[in-house]
């Protein structure tokens, strides 16, 4: 396989990457925030422990605010990244990736080219528009699906060479039983 991709970041891609990164690597945090918000809401309704009206209102408000802000850290991270880009002249990163059978050649248009081994990929994720090749829990290469000649060949090659499978990051309330089991074991 030889596939050449150019990823020109923009505001949307920065926000999308921050969201996927958060959903991919923050399952434990999301679970704890959801649990805390639900406990506060239950306390606010007086379902767990009776308390004064004022305390119940405060707990109910806190629980509701916490619940709707569970994913806020992804938005905050994206905003900080966008501010940093703006401070550095407003030029978004652009990466050219050439996928070969054994490696990926990466040329950052503002830096030195380097080689990524498939075995160095930490995690594979995807959404409707991009494949994400995470090299750390804070950094990933985004591959626009629309630029691929054969998406299925690309998917199978990257999965085979990296030994990992692409997965879709969870949505707002998408914690599964295996996530919960993982929290208990840790």
Protein backbone atom coordinates (compact mmCIF):
# COMPACT_ATOMS: atom_id res chain seq x y z
CA UNK A 1 0.00 0.00 0.00
CA UNK A 2 1.21 3.48 -0.82
CA UNK A 3 -1.19 6.21 0.16
CA UNK A 4 -0.32 9.91 0.34
CA UNK A 5 -2.47 12.20 2.49
CA UNK A 6 -2.24 15.90 3.33
CA UNK A 7 -3.98 17.03 6.50
CA UNK A 8 -4.49 20.78 6.69
CA UNK A 9 -5.88 21.59 10.10
CA UNK A 10 -8.51 24.23 10.69
CA UNK A 11 -10.73 25.32 13.57
CA UNK A 12 -13.12 22.44 13.02
CA UNK A 13 -10.40 19.77 12.94
CA UNK A 14 -8.78 21.10 16.14
CA UNK A 15 -12.14 20.93 17.95
CA UNK A 16 -12.88 17.51 16.51
CA UNK A 17 -9.49 16.12 17.57
CA UNK A 18 -9.89 17.46 21.12
CA UNK A 19 -13.31 15.85 21.37
CA UNK A 20 -12.14 12.47 20.07
CA UNK A 21 -9.10 12.57 22.35
CA UNK A 22 -11.29 13.32 25.38
CA UNK A 23 -13.82 10.61 24.56
CA UNK A 24 -11.07 8.09 23.85
CA UNK A 25 -8.88 8.59 26.91
CA UNK A 26 -11.18 10.03 29.59
CA UNK A 27 -13.75 7.27 30.12
CA UNK A 28 -12.89 6.94 33.82
CA UNK A 29 -13.17 10.68 34.37
CA UNK A 30 -16.49 10.85 32.51
CA UNK A 31 -17.84 7.94 34.53
CA UNK A 32 -16.87 9.60 37.82
CA UNK A 33 -18.35 12.95 36.77
CA UNK A 34 -21.60 11.30 35.68
CA UNK A 35 -21.78 9.34 38.93
CA UNK A 36 -21.11 12.45 41.04
CA UNK A 37 -23.70 14.47 39.15
CA UNK A 38 -26.32 11.74 39.53
CA UNK A 39 -25.62 11.42 43.26
CA UNK A 40 -25.99 15.20 43.66
CA UNK A 41 -29.24 15.16 41.69
CA UNK A 42 -30.59 12.26 43.76
CA UNK A 43 -29.62 14.10 46.96
CA UNK A 44 -31.26 17.22 45.55
CA UNK A 45 -34.51 15.36 45.09
CA UNK A 46 -34.21 13.92 48.60
CA UNK A 47 -33.98 10.36 47.30
CA UNK A 48 -30.87 9.37 49.25
CA UNK A 49 -30.85 11.53 52.35
CA UNK A 50 -33.35 14.07 53.60
CA UNK A 51 -31.98 17.58 53.96
CA UNK A 52 -33.20 21.16 54.05
CA UNK A 53 -34.80 22.73 51.02
CA UNK A 54 -31.85 25.10 50.46
CA UNK A 55 -29.28 22.29 50.57
CA UNK A 56 -31.39 20.20 48.18
CA UNK A 57 -31.66 23.08 45.69
CA UNK A 58 -27.90 23.69 45.80
CA UNK A 59 -27.16 19.97 45.29
CA UNK A 60 -29.69 19.73 42.48
CA UNK A 61 -28.23 22.78 40.73
CA UNK A 62 -24.67 21.53 41.18
CA UNK A 63 -25.57 18.08 39.86
CA UNK A 64 -27.32 19.52 36.78
CA UNK A 65 -24.48 21.94 36.02
CA UNK A 66 -21.92 19.15 36.41
CA UNK A 67 -23.94 16.82 34.18
CA UNK A 68 -24.16 19.24 31.26
CA UNK A 69 -20.46 20.15 31.55
CA UNK A 70 -18.95 16.66 31.56
CA UNK A 71 -17.30 17.19 28.15
CA UNK A 72 -16.29 20.80 28.76
CA UNK A 73 -12.59 19.99 29.15
CA UNK A 74 -12.42 18.96 25.47
CA UNK A 75 -13.81 22.35 24.44
CA UNK A 76 -11.41 24.12 26.80
CA UNK A 77 -8.44 22.19 25.36
CA UNK A 78 -9.52 23.03 21.80
CA UNK A 79 -9.89 26.71 22.70
CA UNK A 80 -6.40 26.79 24.25
CA UNK A 81 -4.94 25.14 21.16
CA UNK A 82 -6.70 27.63 18.88
CA UNK A 83 -5.45 30.54 21.01
CA UNK A 84 -1.89 29.21 20.77
CA UNK A 85 -2.22 28.95 16.99
CA UNK A 86 -3.51 32.52 16.88
CA UNK A 87 -0.57 33.76 19.00
CA UNK A 88 1.84 32.06 16.59
CA UNK A 89 0.49 33.88 13.56
CA UNK A 90 -2.74 32.00 12.92
CA UNK A 91 -1.15 29.37 10.69
CA UNK A 92 -2.72 25.97 11.23
CA UNK A 93 -0.50 22.88 11.13
CA UNK A 94 -0.29 20.98 7.86
CA UNK A 95 1.01 17.42 7.69
CA UNK A 96 1.82 15.25 4.71
CA UNK A 97 1.71 11.54 5.44
CA UNK A 98 2.82 8.81 3.07
CA UNK A 99 1.69 5.37 4.15
CA UNK A 100 3.88 2.48 3.09
CA UNK A 101 3.63 -1.19 4.00
CA UNK A 102 6.20 -0.94 6.79
CA UNK A 103 6.20 2.72 7.92
CA UNK A 104 4.55 6.09 7.60
CA UNK A 105 6.68 8.99 6.39
CA UNK A 106 5.51 12.21 8.00
CA UNK A 107 6.46 15.67 6.83
CA UNK A 108 5.27 18.51 9.00
CA UNK A 109 5.35 21.55 6.77
CA UNK A 110 6.94 23.56 9.59
CA UNK A 111 9.41 20.96 10.82
CA UNK A 112 11.68 18.05 10.00
CA UNK A 113 10.28 14.96 8.31
CA UNK A 114 10.27 11.76 10.35
CA UNK A 115 9.16 8.15 10.17
CA UNK A 116 6.41 6.56 12.24
CA UNK A 117 6.47 2.82 12.77
CA UNK A 118 3.06 1.21 12.87
CA UNK A 119 4.11 -0.47 16.12
CA UNK A 120 4.49 3.00 17.70
CA UNK A 121 0.79 3.74 17.31
CA UNK A 122 -0.86 3.72 20.75
CA UNK A 123 -4.51 3.72 19.70
CA UNK A 124 -6.66 3.84 16.57
CA UNK A 125 -9.94 5.73 16.45
CA UNK A 126 -12.31 6.92 13.77
CA UNK A 127 -15.38 9.02 13.24
CA UNK A 128 -17.42 9.78 10.14
CA UNK A 129 -14.74 12.00 8.55
CA UNK A 130 -11.34 10.99 9.92
CA UNK A 131 -9.12 8.17 11.07
CA UNK A 132 -7.04 9.08 14.14
CA UNK A 133 -3.63 7.54 14.74
CA UNK A 134 -2.80 8.31 18.38
CA UNK A 135 0.90 8.25 19.16
CA UNK A 136 0.29 9.40 22.74
CA UNK A 137 -2.91 10.09 24.67
CA UNK A 138 -2.37 13.78 23.83
CA UNK A 139 -1.25 13.61 20.18
CA UNK A 140 -2.68 12.05 17.04
CA UNK A 141 -2.41 12.22 13.29
CA UNK A 142 -5.72 12.78 11.54
CA UNK A 143 -6.33 11.08 8.19
CA UNK A 144 -9.23 12.54 6.18
CA UNK A 145 -11.29 9.65 4.83
CA UNK A 146 -12.22 11.64 1.73
CA UNK A 147 -8.59 11.60 0.54
CA UNK A 148 -8.22 7.82 0.66
CA UNK A 149 -8.28 5.90 -2.60
CA UNK A 150 -9.60 2.74 -0.92
CA UNK A 151 -10.74 3.21 2.65
CA UNK A 152 -11.09 -0.52 3.35
CA UNK A 153 -7.54 -1.30 2.17
CA UNK A 154 -6.21 1.56 4.31
CA UNK A 155 -8.14 0.36 7.37
CA UNK A 156 -7.05 -3.26 7.04
CA UNK A 157 -3.41 -2.35 6.40
CA UNK A 158 -3.11 0.01 9.37
CA UNK A 159 -4.91 -2.44 11.68
CA UNK A 160 -2.77 -5.34 10.51
CA UNK A 161 0.54 -3.47 10.78
CA UNK A 162 -0.22 -1.82 14.13
CA UNK A 163 -1.86 -4.84 15.75
CA UNK A 164 -4.75 -2.61 16.85
CA UNK A 165 -8.32 -2.08 15.68
CA UNK A 166 -10.04 1.20 14.85
CA UNK A 167 -12.82 2.06 17.26
CA UNK A 168 -15.33 4.84 17.48
CA UNK A 169 -15.01 7.10 20.53
CA UNK A 170 -17.97 7.01 22.87
CA UNK A 171 -20.76 9.55 22.85
CA UNK A 172 -22.09 11.59 25.74
CA UNK A 173 -23.49 8.66 27.72
CA UNK A 174 -21.70 5.75 26.09
CA UNK A 175 -19.97 3.92 28.86
CA UNK A 176 -20.09 0.17 28.49
CA UNK A 177 -19.81 -2.62 31.03
CA UNK A 178 -16.14 -3.21 30.17
CA UNK A 179 -15.38 0.47 31.02
CA UNK A 180 -17.01 0.04 34.42
CA UNK A 181 -15.15 -3.25 35.05
CA UNK A 182 -11.89 -1.45 34.17
CA UNK A 183 -12.60 1.24 36.79
CA UNK A 184 -13.15 -1.37 39.48
CA UNK A 185 -9.90 -3.22 38.70
CA UNK A 186 -7.70 -0.10 38.77
